[in-house]
Amino acid sequence: MHAGWFIAGVAIYGAMFLPAAVRWRLALRANDAVVSWPATFRFTLIGHFFYLILFGGTGGDAAKATIYARRHQFPLPNLFASVWLDRLMGSGALLVVAVVAFTIAAFHGGFTGAQSLSVRGSFWWLLLIIPALALFLFWLRRSRHESFLRRLAVAFLEGAKRLIKSPKRLAVGFICSLLMQCAVNGLLALNLQAVSHAPIPWLRLLWTFPLITTISGLPVTVAGIGARDGAAIALLGWCGVPAADAEAMSLLTLCVSVLWGLIGGIILWRESGRATHKRKEPGPTGSQPL
């Protein structure tokens, strides 16, 4: 392994948490749940810890939102709405990066190894998800039955409306999302460079990185183990990358992700100790709270 490329990957992945915290802070502000900047940054790293151990972004976001709400006394629906808005901004940037990468690869023979793969008509049904979800949210909002889902839908739609009314904040969130996508895909590229001892057809395989990132984030395995490996071997193999190099790249990516996840776990442990100490502080009369 070329250690320099790996160290660069560790650094670029760590830098990703800065725009991640900025983007989530915008979503928190839209849902009236923002606190200090250091707290937002700490919980962004804590969220990555839960991302690793709770089967991807779904479990990680839920745990992060729950602990943040309890720690800072905010309504839980507002916090869940904030992580939904946060992911929505990230999805837009992922789509843009994927389209650019696929376009570049298409003009440089990136799909010549996958000519036998037929996806015609396989993904059109995905276009129904957005209108179906929108109708479901509006139905919940108009429902008279007071429930957690209704409060979540109301908070999400109100937060989205506030973001749309502030193009500047929306643009900042999108830019942060693009920076995060560059960092995540850059980590894969740097790790592949670290283990490869042959020329890499970068323009042909750019399209594989967004797919590998997306597949590794699916809530099917812990820390993407197995899912990331299989996607890397299959997709990079179509572009002529040896399976051993693809697997080594995947394992290095796992190491980087776990490293920053451990840092998030340490911050969570310190945050829990801080909250326990605060509960034990004596009240105005010197008595201990129950």
Protein backbone atom coordinates (compact mmCIF):
# COMPACT_ATOMS: atom_id res chain seq x y z
CA MET A 1 0.00 0.00 0.00
CA HIS A 2 1.14 3.54 -0.74
CA ALA A 3 0.65 5.07 2.70
CA GLY A 4 0.49 8.65 1.47
CA TRP A 5 -2.68 8.07 -0.55
CA PHE A 6 -4.30 6.30 2.40
CA ILE A 7 -3.46 9.14 4.80
CA ALA A 8 -4.89 11.60 2.28
CA GLY A 9 -8.08 9.52 2.25
CA VAL A 10 -8.34 9.66 6.03
CA ALA A 11 -7.93 13.43 5.93
CA ILE A 12 -10.45 14.06 3.14
CA TYR A 13 -13.03 11.84 4.84
CA GLY A 14 -12.59 13.70 8.11
CA ALA A 15 -12.93 17.04 6.33
CA MET A 16 -16.31 15.84 5.04
CA PHE A 17 -17.85 16.27 8.50
CA LEU A 18 -17.48 20.06 8.30
CA PRO A 19 -19.89 20.55 5.37
CA ALA A 20 -22.02 17.73 6.83
CA ALA A 21 -22.44 19.72 10.05
CA VAL A 22 -23.20 22.92 8.13
CA ARG A 23 -25.89 21.16 6.06
CA TRP A 24 -27.54 19.58 9.08
CA ARG A 25 -27.43 22.90 10.92
CA LEU A 26 -29.42 24.45 8.06
CA ALA A 27 -32.01 21.69 8.42
CA LEU A 28 -32.09 22.15 12.19
CA ARG A 29 -32.61 25.89 11.80
CA ALA A 30 -35.50 25.25 9.41
CA ASN A 31 -37.12 23.12 12.13
CA ASP A 32 -36.42 25.47 15.09
CA ALA A 33 -34.04 22.98 16.69
CA VAL A 34 -30.62 24.58 16.26
CA VAL A 35 -28.16 25.04 19.13
CA SER A 36 -24.48 25.96 19.16
CA TRP A 37 -22.16 25.11 16.28
CA PRO A 38 -19.88 22.84 18.41
CA ALA A 39 -22.91 20.79 19.47
CA THR A 40 -24.00 20.35 15.86
CA PHE A 41 -20.51 19.22 14.85
CA ARG A 42 -20.25 16.79 17.77
CA PHE A 43 -23.58 15.17 16.95
CA THR A 44 -22.62 14.93 13.28
CA LEU A 45 -19.69 12.71 14.29
CA ILE A 46 -21.93 10.84 16.72
CA GLY A 47 -24.34 10.23 13.84
CA HIS A 48 -21.52 8.60 11.86
CA PHE A 49 -20.85 6.25 14.79
CA PHE A 50 -24.48 5.14 14.73
CA TYR A 51 -24.33 4.95 10.93
CA LEU A 52 -21.71 2.24 11.30
CA ILE A 53 -23.41 0.09 13.93
CA LEU A 54 -27.10 0.57 13.08
CA PHE A 55 -27.22 -0.54 9.43
CA GLY A 56 -26.55 2.71 7.59
CA GLY A 57 -28.16 6.11 7.43
CA THR A 58 -31.67 5.04 8.47
CA GLY A 59 -30.70 3.74 11.89
CA GLY A 60 -27.92 6.28 12.33
CA ASP A 61 -30.17 9.26 11.67
CA ALA A 62 -32.89 7.93 13.98
CA ALA A 63 -30.45 7.41 16.86
CA LYS A 64 -28.73 10.76 16.33
CA ALA A 65 -32.04 12.62 16.22
CA THR A 66 -33.36 10.87 19.35
CA ILE A 67 -30.29 11.59 21.46
CA TYR A 68 -30.07 15.19 20.20
CA ALA A 69 -33.74 15.78 21.05
CA ARG A 70 -33.33 14.42 24.58
CA ARG A 71 -30.05 16.21 25.18
CA HIS A 72 -31.33 19.64 24.12
CA GLN A 73 -35.06 19.27 24.93
CA PHE A 74 -36.47 19.59 21.41
CA PRO A 75 -39.58 17.84 20.04
CA LEU A 76 -38.59 14.54 18.47
CA PRO A 77 -40.70 15.08 15.29
CA ASN A 78 -38.72 18.26 14.57
CA LEU A 79 -35.45 16.35 14.82
CA PHE A 80 -36.64 13.55 12.57
CA ALA A 81 -37.82 16.17 10.08
CA SER A 82 -34.38 17.80 10.17
CA VAL A 83 -32.57 14.58 9.27
CA TRP A 84 -35.08 14.00 6.45
CA LEU A 85 -34.36 17.46 5.07
CA ASP A 86 -30.66 16.83 5.50
CA ARG A 87 -30.83 13.59 3.51
CA LEU A 88 -33.02 15.20 0.87
CA MET A 89 -30.37 17.85 0.15
CA GLY A 90 -27.76 15.11 -0.01
CA SER A 91 -29.83 13.07 -2.45
CA GLY A 92 -30.00 16.00 -4.86
CA ALA A 93 -26.23 16.35 -4.89
CA LEU A 94 -25.78 12.59 -5.29
CA LEU A 95 -28.01 12.67 -8.35
CA VAL A 96 -26.00 15.52 -9.91
CA VAL A 97 -22.65 13.81 -9.22
CA ALA A 98 -23.95 10.51 -10.60
CA VAL A 99 -25.23 12.13 -13.81
CA VAL A 100 -21.89 13.91 -14.38
CA ALA A 101 -19.90 10.74 -13.65
CA PHE A 102 -22.08 8.59 -15.91
CA THR A 103 -21.83 11.14 -18.72
CA ILE A 104 -18.03 11.31 -18.54
CA ALA A 105 -17.75 7.53 -18.39
CA ALA A 106 -20.12 7.09 -21.34
CA PHE A 107 -17.84 9.18 -23.56
CA HIS A 108 -14.76 7.21 -22.50
CA GLY A 109 -16.00 3.63 -22.86
CA GLY A 110 -16.90 3.14 -19.23
CA PHE A 111 -19.78 0.77 -20.00
CA THR A 112 -18.11 -1.47 -22.55
CA GLY A 113 -17.66 -4.20 -19.96
CA ALA A 114 -21.32 -4.13 -18.98
CA GLN A 115 -22.97 -4.45 -22.36
CA SER A 116 -24.65 -7.69 -21.32
CA LEU A 117 -26.40 -6.00 -18.41
CA SER A 118 -29.95 -5.04 -19.28
CA VAL A 119 -31.67 -2.49 -17.05
CA ARG A 120 -34.31 -1.42 -19.54
CA GLY A 121 -37.53 -0.73 -17.71
CA SER A 122 -36.09 -1.83 -14.36
CA PHE A 123 -35.98 1.54 -12.62
CA TRP A 124 -38.93 3.45 -14.06
CA TRP A 125 -41.03 2.49 -11.06
CA LEU A 126 -38.64 4.50 -8.85
CA LEU A 127 -40.08 7.68 -10.39
CA LEU A 128 -43.31 6.94 -8.53
CA ILE A 129 -41.64 7.17 -5.12
CA ILE A 130 -41.42 10.97 -4.97
CA PRO A 131 -45.07 11.76 -5.87
CA ALA A 132 -46.30 8.90 -3.67
CA LEU A 133 -44.27 10.19 -0.72
CA ALA A 134 -45.47 13.75 -1.33
CA LEU A 135 -49.12 12.63 -1.36
CA PHE A 136 -48.57 10.63 1.82
CA LEU A 137 -47.05 13.64 3.61
CA PHE A 138 -49.85 15.98 2.56
CA TRP A 139 -52.43 13.40 3.63
CA LEU A 140 -50.80 13.15 7.06
CA ARG A 141 -50.70 16.90 7.40
CA ARG A 142 -54.41 17.28 6.64
CA SER A 143 -55.36 14.39 8.88
CA ARG A 144 -57.14 15.33 12.08
CA HIS A 145 -55.74 12.37 13.97
CA GLU A 146 -52.91 13.66 16.17
CA SER A 147 -50.00 11.23 15.96
CA PHE A 148 -46.23 11.18 15.80
CA LEU A 149 -46.31 10.67 12.03
CA ARG A 150 -48.63 13.64 11.55
CA ARG A 151 -46.42 15.91 13.65
CA LEU A 152 -43.40 14.64 11.73
CA ALA A 153 -45.08 15.38 8.38
CA VAL A 154 -46.07 18.88 9.52
CA ALA A 155 -42.55 19.62 10.78
CA PHE A 156 -40.96 18.30 7.58
CA LEU A 157 -43.23 20.26 5.25
CA GLU A 158 -42.82 23.46 7.28
CA GLY A 159 -39.05 23.05 7.33
CA ALA A 160 -38.96 22.36 3.59
CA LYS A 161 -41.07 25.46 2.97
CA ARG A 162 -38.66 27.59 4.98
CA LEU A 163 -35.68 26.25 3.05
CA ILE A 164 -37.36 26.87 -0.30
CA LYS A 165 -38.16 30.44 0.74
CA SER A 166 -34.46 31.01 1.47
CA PRO A 167 -32.56 30.29 -1.77
CA LYS A 168 -29.28 31.29 -0.14
CA ARG A 169 -29.56 28.62 2.56
CA LEU A 170 -30.71 26.06 0.03
CA ALA A 171 -27.71 26.86 -2.17
CA VAL A 172 -25.34 26.53 0.79
CA GLY A 173 -26.88 23.16 1.63
CA PHE A 174 -26.48 21.97 -1.94
CA ILE A 175 -22.86 23.13 -2.08
CA CYS A 176 -22.15 21.31 1.19
CA SER A 177 -23.75 18.19 -0.27
CA LEU A 178 -21.54 18.41 -3.35
CA LEU A 179 -18.45 18.75 -1.15
CA MET A 180 -19.52 15.68 0.81
CA GLN A 181 -20.02 13.68 -2.38
CA CYS A 182 -16.57 14.74 -3.59
CA ALA A 183 -15.07 13.63 -0.26
CA VAL A 184 -16.80 10.23 -0.20
CA ASN A 185 -16.01 9.42 -3.82
CA GLY A 186 -12.54 10.90 -3.41
CA LEU A 187 -11.91 8.47 -0.55
CA LEU A 188 -12.66 5.54 -2.85
CA ALA A 189 -10.37 6.96 -5.54
CA LEU A 190 -7.50 7.59 -3.11
CA ASN A 191 -7.77 4.11 -1.60
CA LEU A 192 -7.83 2.53 -5.04
CA GLN A 193 -4.71 4.51 -5.95
CA ALA A 194 -3.12 3.39 -2.69
CA VAL A 195 -3.40 -0.31 -3.51
CA SER A 196 -3.09 -0.27 -7.30
CA HIS A 197 0.29 -0.81 -8.95
CA ALA A 198 -1.00 -0.46 -12.51
CA PRO A 199 -2.51 2.44 -14.48
CA ILE A 200 -6.14 3.09 -13.51
CA PRO A 201 -8.69 4.06 -16.20
CA TRP A 202 -10.18 6.87 -14.13
CA LEU A 203 -12.49 8.30 -16.79
CA ARG A 204 -13.98 4.86 -17.45
CA LEU A 205 -14.72 4.00 -13.83
CA LEU A 206 -15.96 7.32 -12.44
CA TRP A 207 -19.54 6.07 -12.67
CA THR A 208 -18.82 3.21 -10.26
CA PHE A 209 -17.98 5.37 -7.24
CA PRO A 210 -21.47 6.88 -6.64
CA LEU A 211 -23.01 3.42 -7.00
CA ILE A 212 -20.55 1.80 -4.60
CA THR A 213 -21.20 4.58 -2.06
CA THR A 214 -24.96 4.19 -2.39
CA ILE A 215 -24.91 0.40 -2.11
CA SER A 216 -22.61 0.46 0.92
CA GLY A 217 -25.07 2.78 2.68
CA LEU A 218 -28.07 0.47 2.26
CA PRO A 219 -29.49 -0.79 5.60
CA VAL A 220 -28.52 -4.42 4.99
CA THR A 221 -25.17 -4.90 6.74
CA VAL A 222 -23.18 -3.35 9.58
CA ALA A 223 -20.83 -0.64 8.29
CA GLY A 224 -21.54 -1.74 4.71
CA ILE A 225 -19.42 -4.87 5.15
CA GLY A 226 -20.05 -7.26 2.29
CA ALA A 227 -22.28 -4.89 0.35
CA ARG A 228 -19.42 -2.49 -0.37
CA ASP A 229 -17.05 -5.37 -1.17
CA GLY A 230 -19.42 -7.04 -3.63
CA ALA A 231 -20.27 -3.76 -5.35
CA ALA A 232 -16.61 -2.79 -5.67
CA ILE A 233 -15.55 -6.15 -7.11
CA ALA A 234 -18.45 -6.29 -9.59
CA LEU A 235 -18.51 -2.67 -10.77
CA LEU A 236 -14.78 -2.03 -10.87
CA GLY A 237 -14.28 -5.42 -12.48
CA TRP A 238 -16.35 -4.26 -15.46
CA CYS A 239 -13.79 -1.48 -15.91
CA GLY A 240 -10.81 -3.81 -15.80
CA VAL A 241 -9.75 -3.35 -12.16
CA PRO A 242 -8.50 -6.64 -10.62
CA ALA A 243 -10.76 -8.11 -7.94
CA ALA A 244 -7.91 -8.08 -5.41
CA ASP A 245 -7.42 -4.33 -5.85
CA ALA A 246 -11.16 -3.68 -5.61
CA GLU A 247 -11.43 -5.72 -2.40
CA ALA A 248 -8.37 -4.04 -0.91
CA MET A 249 -9.85 -0.61 -1.72
CA SER A 250 -13.09 -1.62 -0.01
CA LEU A 251 -11.29 -2.80 3.13
CA LEU A 252 -9.25 0.40 3.33
CA THR A 253 -12.46 2.41 3.00
CA LEU A 254 -13.96 0.39 5.85
CA CYS A 255 -10.89 1.15 7.99
CA VAL A 256 -11.24 4.90 7.38
CA SER A 257 -14.96 4.84 8.12
CA VAL A 258 -14.47 2.84 11.32
CA LEU A 259 -11.65 5.16 12.44
CA TRP A 260 -13.91 8.22 12.28
CA GLY A 261 -16.75 6.17 13.72
CA LEU A 262 -14.62 5.40 16.78
CA ILE A 263 -13.99 9.11 17.18
CA GLY A 264 -17.75 9.65 17.08
CA GLY A 265 -18.19 6.91 19.68
CA ILE A 266 -15.70 8.61 22.02
CA ILE A 267 -17.58 11.90 21.60
CA LEU A 268 -20.85 10.09 22.40
CA TRP A 269 -19.30 8.65 25.56
CA ARG A 270 -18.12 12.10 26.65
CA GLU A 271 -21.51 13.61 25.77
CA SER A 272 -23.25 10.98 27.91
CA GLY A 273 -20.93 11.74 30.81
CA ARG A 274 -21.59 15.45 30.43
CA ALA A 275 -25.35 14.89 30.47
CA THR A 276 -25.09 12.66 33.57
CA HIS A 277 -23.01 15.28 35.37
CA LYS A 278 -25.55 17.97 34.50
CA ARG A 279 -28.41 15.90 35.95
CA LYS A 280 -26.46 15.44 39.19
CA GLU A 281 -25.77 19.14 39.69
CA PRO A 282 -27.53 20.49 42.82
CA GLY A 283 -30.49 22.80 42.40
CA PRO A 284 -30.76 26.37 43.73
CA THR A 285 -31.39 25.15 47.28
CA GLY A 286 -28.53 22.65 47.22
CA SER A 287 -30.82 19.64 46.96
CA GLN A 288 -30.20 16.87 44.50
CA PRO A 289 -32.83 16.40 41.77
CA LEU A 290 -34.67 13.10 41.72
